[in-house]
Amino acid sequence: MTIAAAIRPKNTSVTFTLNSSGTGASQTIIAEGSPHIINVDATRRFGGKDEYPSPISYALSSLISCSQVTAQLVANDLGIKLNSFEFDLKANLDTTILFEGAEEGNPNFQNIIIKARIETNTSDELFEKLKIETERRCPVYQLFSRSGVHIRSQWVRQAS
């Protein structure tokens, strides 16, 4: 038995496969094994027709939707019941490189502010643990965070 097998006795990796086609800024994406189709376009300012959400909107919506899914998984582990969720998100993106082709700078988001309101009857202590664990375990949160984006999040517990 190898050391890796002892540490990770089963395969815990999940593979996602996407296929796309499109013209201009518009694209249709299909996730293999799923009946769902994702249509993407860009705003007119970004050279699209604004017929569908932009890649930026999808990236940011992925952050808050993945946070909600992860919070449910963490809540199950902590024995917490979560009811409704509301998220507000604001992100600042420097477009100097994107639009002007600047040689220096960072084309990534400068910062993201998230306000989450979650209806639950758990204690303040468990609610804080839920927040910390969700941010630690959420793959999309970590994708943004580890890419250098400064994320400031505020979670508010609302009694159910």
N, C-alpha and C. Protein backbone atom coordinates (compact mmCIF):
# COMPACT_ATOMS: atom_id res chain seq x y z
N MET A 1 0.86 -1.17 0.00
CA MET A 1 0.00 0.00 0.00
C MET A 1 0.91 1.24 0.00
N THR A 2 0.61 2.18 -0.89
CA THR A 2 1.39 3.40 -0.93
C THR A 2 0.88 4.38 0.11
N ILE A 3 1.70 5.36 0.42
CA ILE A 3 1.30 6.37 1.40
C ILE A 3 0.09 7.14 0.90
N ALA A 4 0.07 7.49 -0.39
CA ALA A 4 -1.05 8.24 -0.95
C ALA A 4 -2.36 7.46 -0.80
N ALA A 5 -2.30 6.15 -0.99
CA ALA A 5 -3.51 5.35 -0.85
C ALA A 5 -3.99 5.34 0.60
N ALA A 6 -3.06 5.37 1.54
CA ALA A 6 -3.44 5.39 2.94
C ALA A 6 -4.08 6.73 3.31
N ILE A 7 -3.60 7.81 2.73
CA ILE A 7 -4.15 9.12 3.03
C ILE A 7 -5.48 9.33 2.32
N ARG A 8 -5.56 8.89 1.09
CA ARG A 8 -6.76 9.11 0.29
C ARG A 8 -7.19 7.75 -0.29
N PRO A 9 -7.91 6.95 0.50
CA PRO A 9 -8.23 5.60 0.08
C PRO A 9 -9.20 5.51 -1.10
N LYS A 10 -9.92 6.57 -1.42
CA LYS A 10 -10.83 6.52 -2.56
C LYS A 10 -10.64 7.78 -3.41
N ASN A 11 -11.05 7.70 -4.63
CA ASN A 11 -10.94 8.84 -5.52
C ASN A 11 -11.98 9.88 -5.14
N THR A 12 -11.53 11.08 -4.77
CA THR A 12 -12.46 12.13 -4.37
C THR A 12 -12.53 13.26 -5.39
N SER A 13 -11.94 13.03 -6.55
CA SER A 13 -11.94 14.05 -7.59
C SER A 13 -13.16 13.91 -8.49
N VAL A 14 -13.75 15.03 -8.86
CA VAL A 14 -14.88 15.05 -9.79
C VAL A 14 -14.44 15.82 -11.03
N THR A 15 -14.70 15.28 -12.19
CA THR A 15 -14.33 15.93 -13.44
C THR A 15 -15.56 16.56 -14.07
N PHE A 16 -15.42 17.79 -14.51
CA PHE A 16 -16.48 18.50 -15.22
C PHE A 16 -16.02 18.68 -16.65
N THR A 17 -16.88 18.35 -17.61
CA THR A 17 -16.55 18.50 -19.02
C THR A 17 -17.59 19.40 -19.68
N LEU A 18 -17.11 20.46 -20.32
CA LEU A 18 -17.97 21.43 -21.00
C LEU A 18 -17.60 21.49 -22.47
N ASN A 19 -18.58 21.72 -23.32
CA ASN A 19 -18.37 21.93 -24.75
C ASN A 19 -19.07 23.22 -25.13
N SER A 20 -18.46 23.99 -26.04
CA SER A 20 -19.08 25.25 -26.41
C SER A 20 -18.95 25.51 -27.90
N SER A 21 -19.84 26.38 -28.38
CA SER A 21 -19.76 26.89 -29.74
C SER A 21 -20.35 28.30 -29.71
N GLY A 22 -19.92 29.13 -30.64
CA GLY A 22 -20.45 30.48 -30.66
C GLY A 22 -19.85 31.33 -31.74
N THR A 23 -20.35 32.54 -31.84
CA THR A 23 -19.83 33.55 -32.75
C THR A 23 -19.79 34.88 -32.02
N GLY A 24 -18.85 35.74 -32.40
CA GLY A 24 -18.73 37.03 -31.73
C GLY A 24 -18.51 36.82 -30.25
N ALA A 25 -19.26 37.53 -29.44
CA ALA A 25 -19.15 37.41 -27.99
C ALA A 25 -20.19 36.43 -27.42
N SER A 26 -21.05 35.89 -28.28
CA SER A 26 -22.12 34.99 -27.84
C SER A 26 -21.65 33.53 -27.92
N GLN A 27 -22.03 32.76 -26.91
CA GLN A 27 -21.57 31.39 -26.83
C GLN A 27 -22.63 30.53 -26.17
N THR A 28 -22.74 29.29 -26.61
CA THR A 28 -23.60 28.31 -25.98
C THR A 28 -22.72 27.22 -25.40
N ILE A 29 -22.93 26.92 -24.13
CA ILE A 29 -22.09 25.94 -23.43
C ILE A 29 -22.98 24.82 -22.92
N ILE A 30 -22.53 23.60 -23.13
CA ILE A 30 -23.25 22.42 -22.66
C ILE A 30 -22.34 21.64 -21.73
N ALA A 31 -22.87 21.32 -20.55
CA ALA A 31 -22.13 20.49 -19.60
C ALA A 31 -22.47 19.04 -19.91
N GLU A 32 -21.46 18.25 -20.20
CA GLU A 32 -21.69 16.83 -20.52
C GLU A 32 -22.40 16.15 -19.36
N GLY A 33 -23.38 15.31 -19.70
CA GLY A 33 -24.12 14.58 -18.69
C GLY A 33 -25.22 15.39 -18.03
N SER A 34 -25.48 16.59 -18.53
CA SER A 34 -26.50 17.46 -17.94
C SER A 34 -27.41 17.98 -19.06
N PRO A 35 -28.69 18.13 -18.78
CA PRO A 35 -29.59 18.68 -19.80
C PRO A 35 -29.52 20.21 -19.90
N HIS A 36 -28.71 20.83 -19.06
CA HIS A 36 -28.69 22.29 -18.98
C HIS A 36 -27.78 22.91 -20.04
N ILE A 37 -28.24 24.00 -20.59
CA ILE A 37 -27.48 24.77 -21.55
C ILE A 37 -27.22 26.14 -20.95
N ILE A 38 -26.00 26.61 -21.09
CA ILE A 38 -25.61 27.93 -20.58
C ILE A 38 -25.37 28.83 -21.79
N ASN A 39 -26.14 29.90 -21.86
CA ASN A 39 -25.95 30.88 -22.93
C ASN A 39 -25.22 32.07 -22.34
N VAL A 40 -24.20 32.53 -23.05
CA VAL A 40 -23.35 33.62 -22.57
C VAL A 40 -23.22 34.67 -23.66
N ASP A 41 -23.21 35.91 -23.27
CA ASP A 41 -22.93 37.02 -24.18
C ASP A 41 -22.22 38.09 -23.36
N ALA A 42 -21.88 39.15 -23.99
CA ALA A 42 -21.26 40.27 -23.29
C ALA A 42 -22.16 41.48 -23.43
N THR A 43 -22.01 42.42 -22.51
CA THR A 43 -22.74 43.67 -22.65
C THR A 43 -22.23 44.40 -23.89
N ARG A 44 -23.00 45.34 -24.36
CA ARG A 44 -22.58 46.11 -25.54
C ARG A 44 -21.24 46.81 -25.29
N ARG A 45 -21.04 47.28 -24.08
CA ARG A 45 -19.77 47.94 -23.73
C ARG A 45 -18.58 47.00 -23.91
N PHE A 46 -18.82 45.71 -23.75
CA PHE A 46 -17.76 44.71 -23.88
C PHE A 46 -17.77 44.06 -25.26
N GLY A 47 -18.54 44.60 -26.19
CA GLY A 47 -18.54 44.10 -27.57
C GLY A 47 -19.59 43.06 -27.89
N GLY A 48 -20.52 42.83 -27.00
CA GLY A 48 -21.57 41.84 -27.25
C GLY A 48 -22.89 42.49 -27.59
N LYS A 49 -23.91 41.66 -27.64
CA LYS A 49 -25.28 42.13 -27.91
C LYS A 49 -26.13 42.17 -26.65
N ASP A 50 -25.59 41.71 -25.54
CA ASP A 50 -26.28 41.70 -24.25
C ASP A 50 -27.55 40.85 -24.29
N GLU A 51 -27.50 39.74 -25.03
CA GLU A 51 -28.66 38.85 -25.11
C GLU A 51 -28.73 37.86 -23.96
N TYR A 52 -27.61 37.59 -23.32
CA TYR A 52 -27.53 36.65 -22.21
C TYR A 52 -26.59 37.24 -21.16
N PRO A 53 -26.55 36.64 -19.96
CA PRO A 53 -25.59 37.12 -18.96
C PRO A 53 -24.16 37.02 -19.48
N SER A 54 -23.31 37.89 -18.97
CA SER A 54 -21.91 37.93 -19.39
C SER A 54 -21.09 36.91 -18.61
N PRO A 55 -19.90 36.58 -19.10
CA PRO A 55 -19.02 35.70 -18.33
C PRO A 55 -18.72 36.27 -16.95
N ILE A 56 -18.60 37.59 -16.84
CA ILE A 56 -18.34 38.22 -15.54
C ILE A 56 -19.52 37.97 -14.61
N SER A 57 -20.74 38.14 -15.13
CA SER A 57 -21.93 37.89 -14.29
C SER A 57 -21.99 36.44 -13.85
N TYR A 58 -21.67 35.53 -14.77
CA TYR A 58 -21.67 34.11 -14.40
C TYR A 58 -20.60 33.82 -13.35
N ALA A 59 -19.41 34.40 -13.49
CA ALA A 59 -18.35 34.16 -12.52
C ALA A 59 -18.76 34.64 -11.13
N LEU A 60 -19.31 35.85 -11.07
CA LEU A 60 -19.72 36.39 -9.78
C LEU A 60 -20.93 35.66 -9.21
N SER A 61 -21.87 35.28 -10.07
CA SER A 61 -23.03 34.52 -9.57
C SER A 61 -22.59 33.13 -9.11
N SER A 62 -21.55 32.59 -9.73
CA SER A 62 -21.01 31.31 -9.27
C SER A 62 -20.45 31.42 -7.87
N LEU A 63 -19.87 32.57 -7.56
CA LEU A 63 -19.32 32.77 -6.22
C LEU A 63 -20.42 32.70 -5.16
N ILE A 64 -21.52 33.42 -5.38
CA ILE A 64 -22.56 33.42 -4.34
C ILE A 64 -23.39 32.14 -4.37
N SER A 65 -23.60 31.55 -5.55
CA SER A 65 -24.38 30.31 -5.57
C SER A 65 -23.58 29.15 -4.99
N CYS A 66 -22.28 29.11 -5.26
CA CYS A 66 -21.44 28.06 -4.67
C CYS A 66 -21.34 28.25 -3.16
N SER A 67 -21.33 29.50 -2.71
CA SER A 67 -21.32 29.76 -1.27
C SER A 67 -22.58 29.22 -0.61
N GLN A 68 -23.71 29.38 -1.27
CA GLN A 68 -24.97 28.86 -0.72
C GLN A 68 -24.97 27.34 -0.68
N VAL A 69 -24.53 26.70 -1.76
CA VAL A 69 -24.47 25.24 -1.79
C VAL A 69 -23.52 24.72 -0.72
N THR A 70 -22.35 25.35 -0.62
CA THR A 70 -21.37 24.92 0.38
C THR A 70 -21.89 25.15 1.79
N ALA A 71 -22.58 26.26 2.01
CA ALA A 71 -23.16 26.52 3.34
C ALA A 71 -24.13 25.42 3.73
N GLN A 72 -24.90 24.93 2.78
CA GLN A 72 -25.83 23.83 3.08
C GLN A 72 -25.07 22.57 3.48
N LEU A 73 -23.97 22.28 2.77
CA LEU A 73 -23.16 21.10 3.12
C LEU A 73 -22.55 21.25 4.51
N VAL A 74 -22.02 22.43 4.79
CA VAL A 74 -21.41 22.68 6.10
C VAL A 74 -22.48 22.64 7.19
N ALA A 75 -23.63 23.22 6.93
CA ALA A 75 -24.72 23.21 7.91
C ALA A 75 -25.12 21.78 8.25
N ASN A 76 -25.17 20.92 7.24
CA ASN A 76 -25.48 19.51 7.50
C ASN A 76 -24.44 18.88 8.43
N ASP A 77 -23.17 19.19 8.19
CA ASP A 77 -22.10 18.66 9.05
C ASP A 77 -22.20 19.19 10.47
N LEU A 78 -22.65 20.43 10.62
CA LEU A 78 -22.75 21.06 11.95
C LEU A 78 -24.09 20.81 12.63
N GLY A 79 -25.03 20.19 11.92
CA GLY A 79 -26.35 19.94 12.47
C GLY A 79 -27.21 21.20 12.54
N ILE A 80 -26.97 22.12 11.63
CA ILE A 80 -27.70 23.40 11.61
C ILE A 80 -28.74 23.34 10.49
N LYS A 81 -29.92 23.89 10.77
CA LYS A 81 -30.94 24.01 9.72
C LYS A 81 -30.92 25.44 9.19
N LEU A 82 -30.72 25.56 7.87
CA LEU A 82 -30.73 26.86 7.21
C LEU A 82 -32.00 26.97 6.39
N ASN A 83 -32.61 28.14 6.43
CA ASN A 83 -33.83 28.36 5.66
C ASN A 83 -33.49 29.21 4.44
N SER A 84 -33.91 30.43 4.40
CA SER A 84 -33.70 31.25 3.20
C SER A 84 -32.34 31.94 3.19
N PHE A 85 -31.87 32.26 1.98
CA PHE A 85 -30.61 32.96 1.76
C PHE A 85 -30.87 34.20 0.92
N GLU A 86 -30.15 35.26 1.19
CA GLU A 86 -30.11 36.43 0.32
C GLU A 86 -28.66 36.89 0.26
N PHE A 87 -28.18 37.17 -0.94
CA PHE A 87 -26.82 37.66 -1.12
C PHE A 87 -26.85 38.96 -1.91
N ASP A 88 -26.04 39.90 -1.50
CA ASP A 88 -25.75 41.10 -2.29
C ASP A 88 -24.25 41.07 -2.55
N LEU A 89 -23.87 41.34 -3.77
CA LEU A 89 -22.46 41.29 -4.14
C LEU A 89 -22.12 42.53 -4.95
N LYS A 90 -20.96 43.09 -4.67
CA LYS A 90 -20.44 44.22 -5.44
C LYS A 90 -18.98 43.92 -5.73
N ALA A 91 -18.58 44.04 -6.99
CA ALA A 91 -17.21 43.74 -7.38
C ALA A 91 -16.65 44.86 -8.25
N ASN A 92 -15.39 45.16 -8.05
CA ASN A 92 -14.70 46.16 -8.86
C ASN A 92 -13.68 45.47 -9.75
N LEU A 93 -13.78 45.77 -11.05
CA LEU A 93 -12.90 45.17 -12.05
C LEU A 93 -12.16 46.28 -12.78
N ASP A 94 -10.83 46.22 -12.77
CA ASP A 94 -10.02 47.17 -13.51
C ASP A 94 -10.00 46.71 -14.97
N THR A 95 -10.52 47.53 -15.85
CA THR A 95 -10.62 47.15 -17.28
C THR A 95 -9.49 47.74 -18.13
N THR A 96 -8.46 48.32 -17.50
CA THR A 96 -7.37 48.93 -18.26
C THR A 96 -6.69 47.94 -19.20
N ILE A 97 -6.44 46.75 -18.74
CA ILE A 97 -5.80 45.73 -19.58
C ILE A 97 -6.81 45.20 -20.60
N LEU A 98 -8.02 44.90 -20.16
CA LEU A 98 -9.04 44.34 -21.03
C LEU A 98 -9.37 45.28 -22.20
N PHE A 99 -9.65 46.53 -21.92
CA PHE A 99 -10.07 47.47 -22.97
C PHE A 99 -8.93 48.16 -23.69
N GLU A 100 -7.90 48.52 -22.93
CA GLU A 100 -6.83 49.34 -23.51
C GLU A 100 -5.57 48.56 -23.82
N GLY A 101 -5.51 47.31 -23.36
CA GLY A 101 -4.32 46.51 -23.61
C GLY A 101 -3.10 46.95 -22.83
N ALA A 102 -3.32 47.61 -21.69
CA ALA A 102 -2.20 48.10 -20.88
C ALA A 102 -1.22 46.96 -20.59
N GLU A 103 0.05 47.30 -20.54
CA GLU A 103 1.10 46.31 -20.29
C GLU A 103 1.20 45.94 -18.82
N GLU A 104 0.80 46.84 -17.94
CA GLU A 104 0.91 46.60 -16.51
C GLU A 104 -0.45 46.68 -15.86
N GLY A 105 -0.56 46.08 -14.72
CA GLY A 105 -1.81 46.08 -13.98
C GLY A 105 -2.26 44.66 -13.70
N ASN A 106 -3.48 44.56 -13.27
CA ASN A 106 -4.04 43.26 -12.93
C ASN A 106 -5.45 43.19 -13.51
N PRO A 107 -5.70 42.32 -14.49
CA PRO A 107 -7.03 42.26 -15.09
C PRO A 107 -8.06 41.55 -14.22
N ASN A 108 -7.68 41.18 -13.04
CA ASN A 108 -8.56 40.47 -12.11
C ASN A 108 -9.44 41.49 -11.36
N PHE A 109 -10.39 40.99 -10.62
CA PHE A 109 -11.20 41.85 -9.75
C PHE A 109 -10.28 42.45 -8.70
N GLN A 110 -10.52 43.71 -8.38
CA GLN A 110 -9.73 44.36 -7.34
C GLN A 110 -10.25 43.94 -5.97
N ASN A 111 -11.56 43.97 -5.81
CA ASN A 111 -12.15 43.53 -4.55
C ASN A 111 -13.60 43.11 -4.78
N ILE A 112 -14.08 42.33 -3.86
CA ILE A 112 -15.46 41.85 -3.89
C ILE A 112 -16.02 42.02 -2.48
N ILE A 113 -17.21 42.59 -2.42
CA ILE A 113 -17.91 42.74 -1.14
C ILE A 113 -19.17 41.89 -1.21
N ILE A 114 -19.33 41.02 -0.24
CA ILE A 114 -20.50 40.14 -0.18
C ILE A 114 -21.23 40.38 1.13
N LYS A 115 -22.53 40.55 1.03
CA LYS A 115 -23.37 40.59 2.23
C LYS A 115 -24.36 39.44 2.11
N ALA A 116 -24.31 38.55 3.08
CA ALA A 116 -25.21 37.39 3.09
C ALA A 116 -26.16 37.51 4.26
N ARG A 117 -27.43 37.28 4.00
CA ARG A 117 -28.44 37.23 5.05
C ARG A 117 -29.03 35.81 5.00
N ILE A 118 -28.90 35.12 6.11
CA ILE A 118 -29.32 33.72 6.16
C ILE A 118 -30.28 33.54 7.32
N GLU A 119 -31.41 32.95 7.01
CA GLU A 119 -32.42 32.70 8.02
C GLU A 119 -32.13 31.35 8.68
N THR A 120 -31.89 31.42 9.99
CA THR A 120 -31.60 30.22 10.76
C THR A 120 -31.79 30.53 12.24
N ASN A 121 -32.01 29.50 13.03
CA ASN A 121 -32.16 29.68 14.48
C ASN A 121 -30.94 29.20 15.25
N THR A 122 -29.81 29.05 14.58
CA THR A 122 -28.62 28.56 15.26
C THR A 122 -28.01 29.65 16.14
N SER A 123 -27.07 29.28 16.98
CA SER A 123 -26.40 30.23 17.87
C SER A 123 -25.42 31.10 17.09
N ASP A 124 -25.03 32.22 17.70
CA ASP A 124 -24.03 33.10 17.09
C ASP A 124 -22.72 32.36 16.86
N GLU A 125 -22.33 31.54 17.81
CA GLU A 125 -21.07 30.80 17.72
C GLU A 125 -21.08 29.83 16.54
N LEU A 126 -22.16 29.05 16.40
CA LEU A 126 -22.25 28.11 15.27
C LEU A 126 -22.41 28.84 13.94
N PHE A 127 -23.08 29.98 13.96
CA PHE A 127 -23.25 30.76 12.73
C PHE A 127 -21.90 31.27 12.23
N GLU A 128 -21.06 31.73 13.15
CA GLU A 128 -19.72 32.19 12.77
C GLU A 128 -18.88 31.02 12.24
N LYS A 129 -19.02 29.87 12.86
CA LYS A 129 -18.30 28.68 12.39
C LYS A 129 -18.80 28.29 10.99
N LEU A 130 -20.09 28.42 10.76
CA LEU A 130 -20.68 28.14 9.44
C LEU A 130 -20.04 29.05 8.39
N LYS A 131 -19.93 30.33 8.68
CA LYS A 131 -19.34 31.29 7.74
C LYS A 131 -17.89 30.94 7.43
N ILE A 132 -17.11 30.74 8.46
CA ILE A 132 -15.67 30.45 8.29
C ILE A 132 -15.47 29.16 7.50
N GLU A 133 -16.20 28.12 7.87
CA GLU A 133 -16.06 26.82 7.19
C GLU A 133 -16.55 26.88 5.75
N THR A 134 -17.62 27.62 5.51
CA THR A 134 -18.14 27.76 4.14
C THR A 134 -17.09 28.42 3.26
N GLU A 135 -16.51 29.50 3.73
CA GLU A 135 -15.50 30.20 2.93
C GLU A 135 -14.25 29.34 2.73
N ARG A 136 -13.90 28.55 3.70
CA ARG A 136 -12.74 27.67 3.59
C ARG A 136 -12.98 26.54 2.60
N ARG A 137 -14.20 26.00 2.58
CA ARG A 137 -14.50 24.81 1.77
C ARG A 137 -15.07 25.11 0.39
N CYS A 138 -15.53 26.32 0.15
CA CYS A 138 -16.17 26.65 -1.12
C CYS A 138 -15.13 26.78 -2.24
N PRO A 139 -15.18 25.92 -3.27
CA PRO A 139 -14.17 25.98 -4.33
C PRO A 139 -14.15 27.30 -5.09
N VAL A 140 -15.30 27.89 -5.34
CA VAL A 140 -15.32 29.15 -6.10
C VAL A 140 -14.82 30.30 -5.23
N TYR A 141 -15.18 30.33 -3.96
CA TYR A 141 -14.65 31.35 -3.05
C TYR A 141 -13.13 31.26 -3.02
N GLN A 142 -12.61 30.04 -2.90
CA GLN A 142 -11.16 29.85 -2.86
C GLN A 142 -10.50 30.21 -4.18
N LEU A 143 -11.17 29.97 -5.30
CA LEU A 143 -10.65 30.36 -6.61
C LEU A 143 -10.41 31.86 -6.66
N PHE A 144 -11.40 32.63 -6.25
CA PHE A 144 -11.26 34.09 -6.21
C PHE A 144 -10.21 34.51 -5.18
N SER A 145 -10.32 34.00 -3.98
CA SER A 145 -9.44 34.39 -2.89
C SER A 145 -7.97 34.09 -3.20
N ARG A 146 -7.70 32.89 -3.67
CA ARG A 146 -6.32 32.48 -3.94
C ARG A 146 -5.75 33.15 -5.18
N SER A 147 -6.60 33.76 -6.00
CA SER A 147 -6.10 34.50 -7.16
C SER A 147 -5.71 35.93 -6.77
N GLY A 148 -5.88 36.27 -5.50
CA GLY A 148 -5.45 37.57 -5.01
C GLY A 148 -6.57 38.59 -4.84
N VAL A 149 -7.80 38.21 -5.12
CA VAL A 149 -8.92 39.14 -4.96
C VAL A 149 -9.18 39.32 -3.46
N HIS A 150 -9.29 40.56 -3.05
CA HIS A 150 -9.63 40.85 -1.66
C HIS A 150 -11.16 40.72 -1.53
N ILE A 151 -11.59 39.72 -0.75
CA ILE A 151 -13.02 39.49 -0.54
C ILE A 151 -13.36 39.91 0.88
N ARG A 152 -14.34 40.79 0.99
CA ARG A 152 -14.84 41.18 2.31
C ARG A 152 -16.28 40.68 2.39
N SER A 153 -16.53 39.83 3.36
CA SER A 153 -17.88 39.28 3.48
C SER A 153 -18.45 39.56 4.86
N GLN A 154 -19.73 39.83 4.84
CA GLN A 154 -20.47 40.04 6.09
C GLN A 154 -21.67 39.11 6.05
N TRP A 155 -21.77 38.26 7.03
CA TRP A 155 -22.92 37.36 7.14
C TRP A 155 -23.79 37.83 8.29
N VAL A 156 -25.09 37.93 8.02
CA VAL A 156 -26.04 38.35 9.02
C VAL A 156 -27.02 37.20 9.25
N ARG A 157 -27.17 36.85 10.51
CA ARG A 157 -28.11 35.78 10.86
C ARG A 157 -29.48 36.40 11.13
N GLN A 158 -30.47 35.89 10.44
CA GLN A 158 -31.84 36.33 10.66
C GLN A 158 -32.62 35.19 11.30
N ALA A 159 -33.28 35.48 12.40
CA ALA A 159 -34.04 34.43 13.10
C ALA A 159 -35.19 33.96 12.24
N SER A 160 -35.44 32.65 12.31
CA SER A 160 -36.58 32.10 11.55
C SER A 160 -37.79 31.96 12.40
